Protein backbone atom coordinates (compact mmCIF):
# COMPACT_ATOMS: atom_id res chain seq x y z
CA MET A 1 175.13 112.27 100.42
CA LEU A 2 176.73 110.17 97.69
CA ALA A 3 180.22 110.98 98.99
CA GLN A 4 179.15 109.89 102.48
CA TYR A 5 177.69 106.63 101.12
CA LEU A 6 180.85 105.92 99.15
CA SER A 7 183.02 106.56 102.20
CA LEU A 8 181.02 103.94 104.10
CA ILE A 9 181.29 101.15 101.50
CA ARG A 10 184.42 99.04 101.90
CA ASN A 11 186.08 97.46 98.87
CA ILE A 12 187.24 93.92 99.64
CA PRO A 13 189.50 92.66 96.81
CA ASP A 14 189.48 89.00 95.80
CA PHE A 15 186.31 88.14 97.72
CA PRO A 16 184.61 85.70 97.38
CA VAL A 17 187.01 84.62 94.61
CA PRO A 18 190.16 86.12 93.07
CA GLY A 19 189.44 88.98 90.67
CA ILE A 20 186.19 90.08 92.34
CA VAL A 21 185.95 93.30 94.35
CA PHE A 22 183.24 92.83 96.98
CA ARG A 23 181.33 95.96 98.01
CA ASP A 24 180.87 95.62 101.78
CA ILE A 25 177.88 97.72 102.88
CA THR A 26 178.04 96.81 106.57
CA PRO A 27 179.78 100.10 107.57
CA LEU A 28 176.95 102.01 105.86
CA LEU A 29 174.34 99.93 107.70
CA GLY A 30 176.17 100.67 110.96
CA ASP A 31 175.92 104.44 110.50
CA ALA A 32 172.37 105.33 111.57
CA SER A 33 172.19 108.69 109.79
CA ALA A 34 173.62 107.33 106.52
CA TYR A 35 171.34 104.27 106.66
CA ARG A 36 168.32 106.54 107.24
CA ALA A 37 169.39 108.77 104.35
CA VAL A 38 169.81 105.77 102.02
CA ILE A 39 166.29 104.58 102.82
CA ASP A 40 164.93 108.09 102.20
CA ASP A 41 166.78 108.26 98.86
CA MET A 42 165.61 104.81 97.77
CA ALA A 43 162.00 105.66 98.69
CA ALA A 44 161.97 109.06 96.96
CA PRO A 45 160.99 107.94 93.43
CA PHE A 46 158.01 106.02 94.85
CA ARG A 47 156.59 108.38 97.48
CA ASN A 48 153.77 109.51 95.17
CA GLU A 49 153.06 106.03 93.82
CA LYS A 50 150.65 103.56 95.31
CA ILE A 51 152.97 100.76 96.46
CA ASP A 52 151.10 97.88 98.09
CA ARG A 53 154.03 95.51 98.64
CA VAL A 54 157.78 95.83 98.81
CA VAL A 55 159.36 92.58 97.67
CA ALA A 56 163.01 92.05 98.61
CA ILE A 57 165.50 89.37 97.65
CA GLU A 58 167.24 87.23 100.28
CA ALA A 59 169.34 88.17 102.14
CA ARG A 60 170.92 91.62 101.75
CA GLY A 61 167.86 92.96 99.97
CA TYR A 62 166.04 92.65 103.28
CA PHE A 63 168.29 95.35 104.78
CA PHE A 64 166.61 97.81 102.42
CA GLY A 65 163.26 96.20 101.63
CA ALA A 66 161.82 96.05 105.15
CA PRO A 67 162.57 99.69 106.05
CA LEU A 68 161.36 100.79 102.58
CA ALA A 69 158.08 98.97 103.19
CA LEU A 70 157.62 100.88 106.44
CA GLU A 71 158.63 104.16 104.77
CA LEU A 72 156.11 103.64 101.96
CA SER A 73 153.34 102.27 104.23
CA ALA A 74 153.40 99.01 102.29
CA GLY A 75 153.52 95.37 103.23
CA PHE A 76 156.81 93.47 103.04
CA VAL A 77 157.19 90.20 101.12
CA PRO A 78 160.45 88.23 101.22
CA ILE A 79 161.81 86.23 98.30
CA ARG A 80 163.75 83.26 99.63
CA LYS A 81 165.83 80.36 98.46
CA VAL A 82 163.86 77.19 97.74
CA GLY A 83 162.69 75.27 100.78
CA LYS A 84 162.79 78.19 103.22
CA LEU A 85 159.14 79.29 102.99
CA PRO A 86 156.59 77.15 104.85
CA HIS A 87 153.47 77.76 102.73
CA LYS A 88 152.44 77.40 99.07
CA THR A 89 154.85 79.24 96.78
CA PHE A 90 155.56 80.43 93.28
CA LYS A 91 159.00 79.20 92.22
CA THR A 92 161.42 80.10 89.46
CA GLU A 93 164.82 78.82 88.43
CA TYR A 94 167.53 80.93 86.85
CA ASP A 95 171.14 80.73 85.73
CA LEU A 96 174.07 82.09 87.68
CA GLU A 97 177.59 82.65 86.36
CA TYR A 98 178.61 79.42 88.08
CA GLY A 99 175.44 77.29 88.00
CA GLU A 100 171.73 77.47 88.64
CA ALA A 101 169.58 78.71 91.50
CA SER A 102 165.92 78.74 92.50
CA ILE A 103 163.90 81.25 94.49
CA GLU A 104 160.35 81.33 95.84
CA VAL A 105 157.71 83.69 97.16
CA HIS A 106 154.53 82.84 99.09
CA ARG A 107 151.51 82.62 96.78
CA ASP A 108 149.36 84.58 99.21
CA GLY A 109 151.98 87.32 99.64
CA LEU A 110 151.05 89.01 96.36
CA LEU A 111 147.67 89.58 94.77
CA PRO A 112 146.88 90.60 91.17
CA SER A 113 145.69 93.98 92.48
CA HIS A 114 149.06 94.76 94.13
CA ARG A 115 151.59 97.27 92.86
CA VAL A 116 155.03 96.01 93.81
CA LEU A 117 158.41 97.61 94.39
CA LEU A 118 161.26 95.12 93.91
CA VAL A 119 164.36 95.74 96.06
CA ASP A 120 167.88 94.40 96.34
CA ASP A 121 171.25 95.70 97.46
CA VAL A 122 173.17 95.23 94.19
CA LEU A 123 172.29 94.94 90.52
CA ALA A 124 175.06 92.97 88.81
CA THR A 125 174.16 90.63 85.92
CA GLY A 126 170.43 91.05 86.53
CA GLY A 127 169.71 87.33 86.72
CA THR A 128 168.42 87.27 90.28
CA MET A 129 166.33 90.43 89.82
CA ALA A 130 164.87 89.08 86.56
CA ALA A 131 163.94 85.87 88.41
CA ALA A 132 162.32 87.95 91.16
CA ALA A 133 160.36 89.88 88.52
CA SER A 134 159.22 86.54 87.09
CA LEU A 135 157.85 85.54 90.51
CA VAL A 136 155.90 88.79 90.76
CA LYS A 137 154.47 88.21 87.27
CA GLN A 138 153.42 84.67 88.24
CA SER A 139 151.32 86.21 91.02
CA GLY A 140 149.61 88.59 88.60
CA ALA A 141 150.82 91.66 90.52
CA THR A 142 152.26 94.71 88.74
CA ILE A 143 155.86 95.82 89.11
CA ALA A 144 155.83 99.57 89.80
CA GLY A 145 159.62 99.74 89.80
CA ILE A 146 162.92 98.26 90.87
CA VAL A 147 165.34 99.95 93.26
CA VAL A 148 168.84 98.92 94.26
CA LEU A 149 171.50 100.62 96.33
CA ILE A 150 174.43 99.71 94.04
CA GLU A 151 174.63 99.03 90.32
CA LEU A 152 177.58 97.47 88.50
CA PRO A 153 176.86 98.63 84.92
CA LEU A 154 179.81 96.77 83.36
CA LEU A 155 177.87 93.57 84.06
CA GLU A 156 174.88 94.92 82.08
CA GLY A 157 172.18 93.84 84.53
CA ARG A 158 169.71 96.38 83.14
CA LEU A 159 169.59 94.40 79.89
CA ALA A 160 167.70 91.65 81.76
CA LEU A 161 165.17 94.23 83.05
CA THR A 162 164.37 96.42 80.04
CA GLU A 163 160.61 96.41 80.64
CA HIS A 164 160.99 97.91 84.12
CA GLN A 165 162.09 101.24 85.57
CA VAL A 166 165.29 100.61 87.51
CA TYR A 167 166.63 103.09 90.06
CA SER A 168 170.14 102.76 91.47
CA HIS A 169 171.81 105.14 93.87
CA ILE A 170 175.49 104.26 93.60
CA ILE A 171 177.20 103.30 90.35
CA PHE A 172 180.52 101.44 90.46
CA GLU A 173 182.18 101.40 87.03
């Protein structure tokens, strides 16, 4: 399946800025059988775990988080940029390569008794995922694992997540 996944990910050079190669997953999402297989693969390490909530990071993480929640018979909780959630939230700020950002999650979306699977499309520097993990910790819930479709190991994102099990399905060196 890996070869099929790789054939459906477009490399877009110099996007969004010169020197960056953007991994465009939209052809993979458009292929129903490949998309189904990706969700099955991402769910596999957690099928025998009790996952109460799948928490995904805005926006591309939702492409994988919502179907994973259904696959694992878990609830879905979105992490959003600040100001996008209408109820009481936990908030965290974190550094980006080019500035700062903030994300939030609804306070009532996660309970201390919940076991959580964190999901995103890409693990790069790990800053956004570490911030998401911080939000889960603020709620008192337990992180059962982290799963991403793509990992860029040269950016050493795992170093920001050493206390968690991280599963990635495609590695781009």
